[in-house]
C-alpha atoms as a PDB file:
ATOM      1  CA  MET A   1      -0.091  -0.093  -0.249  1.00  0.00           C
ATOM      2  CA  THR A   2       1.430   3.554  -1.089  1.00  0.00           C
ATOM      3  CA  PRO A   3       1.663   5.619   2.145  1.00  0.00           C
ATOM      4  CA  ARG A   4      -0.847   8.823   1.724  1.00  0.00           C
ATOM      5  CA  LYS A   5       0.514  12.024   1.142  1.00  0.00           C
ATOM      6  CA  GLN A   6       0.256  13.976   4.341  1.00  0.00           C
ATOM      7  CA  ASP A   7      -0.326  17.657   2.717  1.00  0.00           C
ATOM      8  CA  ALA A   8      -2.614  18.939  -0.646  1.00  0.00           C
ATOM      9  CA  ASP A   9      -0.564  20.172  -3.568  1.00  0.00           C
ATOM     10  CA  ILE A  10      -3.368  22.979  -4.135  1.00  0.00           C
ATOM     11  CA  ILE A  11      -6.330  23.866  -1.658  1.00  0.00           C
ATOM     12  CA  VAL A  12      -9.850  24.680  -3.054  1.00  0.00           C
ATOM     13  CA  GLU A  13     -11.850  26.967  -1.221  1.00  0.00           C
ATOM     14  CA  ILE A  14     -15.821  27.461  -1.976  1.00  0.00           C
ATOM     15  CA  ARG A  15     -18.326  28.465   0.078  1.00  0.00           C
ATOM     16  CA  GLY A  16     -21.873  28.921  -1.298  1.00  0.00           C
ATOM     17  CA  GLY A  17     -20.996  27.892  -4.498  1.00  0.00           C
ATOM     18  CA  THR A  18     -18.455  30.330  -4.862  1.00  0.00           C
ATOM     19  CA  ALA A  19     -14.497  30.124  -5.101  1.00  0.00           C
ATOM     20  CA  VAL A  20     -13.601  32.148  -2.195  1.00  0.00           C
ATOM     21  CA  ALA A  21      -9.777  31.236  -2.416  1.00  0.00           C
ATOM     22  CA  MET A  22      -6.616  28.753  -3.548  1.00  0.00           C
ATOM     23  CA  TYR A  23      -3.910  27.959  -1.540  1.00  0.00           C
ATOM     24  CA  SER A  24      -0.522  26.348  -2.338  1.00  0.00           C
ATOM     25  CA  GLY A  25       2.691  25.876  -0.585  1.00  0.00           C
ATOM     26  CA  ASP A  26       3.950  26.508  -3.615  1.00  0.00           C
ATOM     27  CA  SER A  27       4.133  30.328  -4.967  1.00  0.00           C
ATOM     28  CA  SER A  28       4.652  29.464  -8.642  1.00  0.00           C
ATOM     29  CA  ALA A  29       1.590  27.366  -8.799  1.00  0.00           C
ATOM     30  CA  ARG A  30      -1.030  28.179 -11.279  1.00  0.00           C
ATOM     31  CA  VAL A  31      -4.797  27.698 -11.291  1.00  0.00           C
ATOM     32  CA  ILE A  32      -6.993  28.110 -14.093  1.00  0.00           C
ATOM     33  CA  LEU A  33     -10.848  28.651 -12.915  1.00  0.00           C
ATOM     34  CA  VAL A  34     -13.491  27.338 -15.326  1.00  0.00           C
ATOM     35  CA  ASP A  35     -16.630  28.884 -14.227  1.00  0.00           C
ATOM     36  CA  TRP A  36     -19.517  27.413 -16.948  1.00  0.00           C
ATOM     37  CA  ASP A  37     -22.289  29.423 -16.182  1.00  0.00           C
ATOM     38  CA  GLU A  38     -19.861  32.698 -16.641  1.00  0.00           C
ATOM     39  CA  PHE A  39     -18.875  31.271 -20.128  1.00  0.00           C
ATOM     40  CA  THR A  40     -22.186  30.223 -21.491  1.00  0.00           C
ATOM     41  CA  ASP A  41     -23.605  33.797 -20.390  1.00  0.00           C
ATOM     42  CA  GLY A  42     -20.847  35.708 -22.397  1.00  0.00           C
ATOM     43  CA  GLY A  43     -18.165  35.877 -20.251  1.00  0.00           C
ATOM     44  CA  ARG A  44     -14.842  34.882 -20.360  1.00  0.00           C
ATOM     45  CA  PRO A  45     -13.799  30.879 -20.690  1.00  0.00           C
ATOM     46  CA  GLY A  46     -11.297  30.792 -17.786  1.00  0.00           C
ATOM     47  CA  ILE A  47      -9.614  33.127 -15.773  1.00  0.00           C
ATOM     48  CA  LEU A  48      -5.978  32.970 -14.104  1.00  0.00           C
ATOM     49  CA  TYR A  49      -7.254  32.834 -10.282  1.00  0.00           C
ATOM     50  CA  PRO A  50      -4.456  34.229  -7.699  1.00  0.00           C
ATOM     51  CA  VAL A  51      -3.177  31.522  -5.188  1.00  0.00           C
ATOM     52  CA  GLN A  52      -2.408  32.184  -1.582  1.00  0.00           C
ATOM     53  CA  ALA A  53      -0.050  30.648   0.509  1.00  0.00           C
ATOM     54  CA  THR A  54      -1.250  28.121   2.974  1.00  0.00           C
ATOM     55  CA  SER A  55      -0.178  30.356   5.741  1.00  0.00           C
ATOM     56  CA  GLU A  56      -2.751  32.683   4.932  1.00  0.00           C
ATOM     57  CA  MET A  57      -5.572  29.658   4.967  1.00  0.00           C
ATOM     58  CA  PRO A  58      -8.105  30.725   7.396  1.00  0.00           C
ATOM     59  CA  SER A  59      -8.323  28.757  10.992  1.00  0.00           C
ATOM     60  CA  ASP A  60     -11.572  27.196   9.967  1.00  0.00           C
ATOM     61  CA  THR A  61     -10.638  26.358   6.535  1.00  0.00           C
ATOM     62  CA  ARG A  62      -7.315  24.625   7.747  1.00  0.00           C
ATOM     63  CA  ASP A  63      -9.429  22.517  10.510  1.00  0.00           C
ATOM     64  CA  LEU A  64     -11.293  20.841   7.535  1.00  0.00           C
ATOM     65  CA  VAL A  65      -8.478  20.723   5.260  1.00  0.00           C
ATOM     66  CA  GLN A  66      -6.693  18.558   8.351  1.00  0.00           C
ATOM     67  CA  ARG A  67      -9.952  16.534   8.826  1.00  0.00           C
ATOM     68  CA  ALA A  68      -9.983  15.638   4.937  1.00  0.00           C
ATOM     69  CA  LEU A  69      -6.371  14.770   5.063  1.00  0.00           C
ATOM     70  CA  GLN A  70      -6.847  12.464   7.882  1.00  0.00           C
ATOM     71  CA  SER A  71      -9.978  10.524   6.354  1.00  0.00           C
END
């Protein structure tokens, strides 16, 4: 059995169906956010989403990430 990774490369925080933030320990990470609703309404097909350091993650989000990694 392969050992489980104890960290995530990119964490996407969504609240109420809205992407709130993307976090990564890699400051050079690039995330493209594709929102089909925006695209079909005539908006752009995707945006380069800013990535924040995992150290900037709110404590409630960090707690949920740790629970997810332990499951």
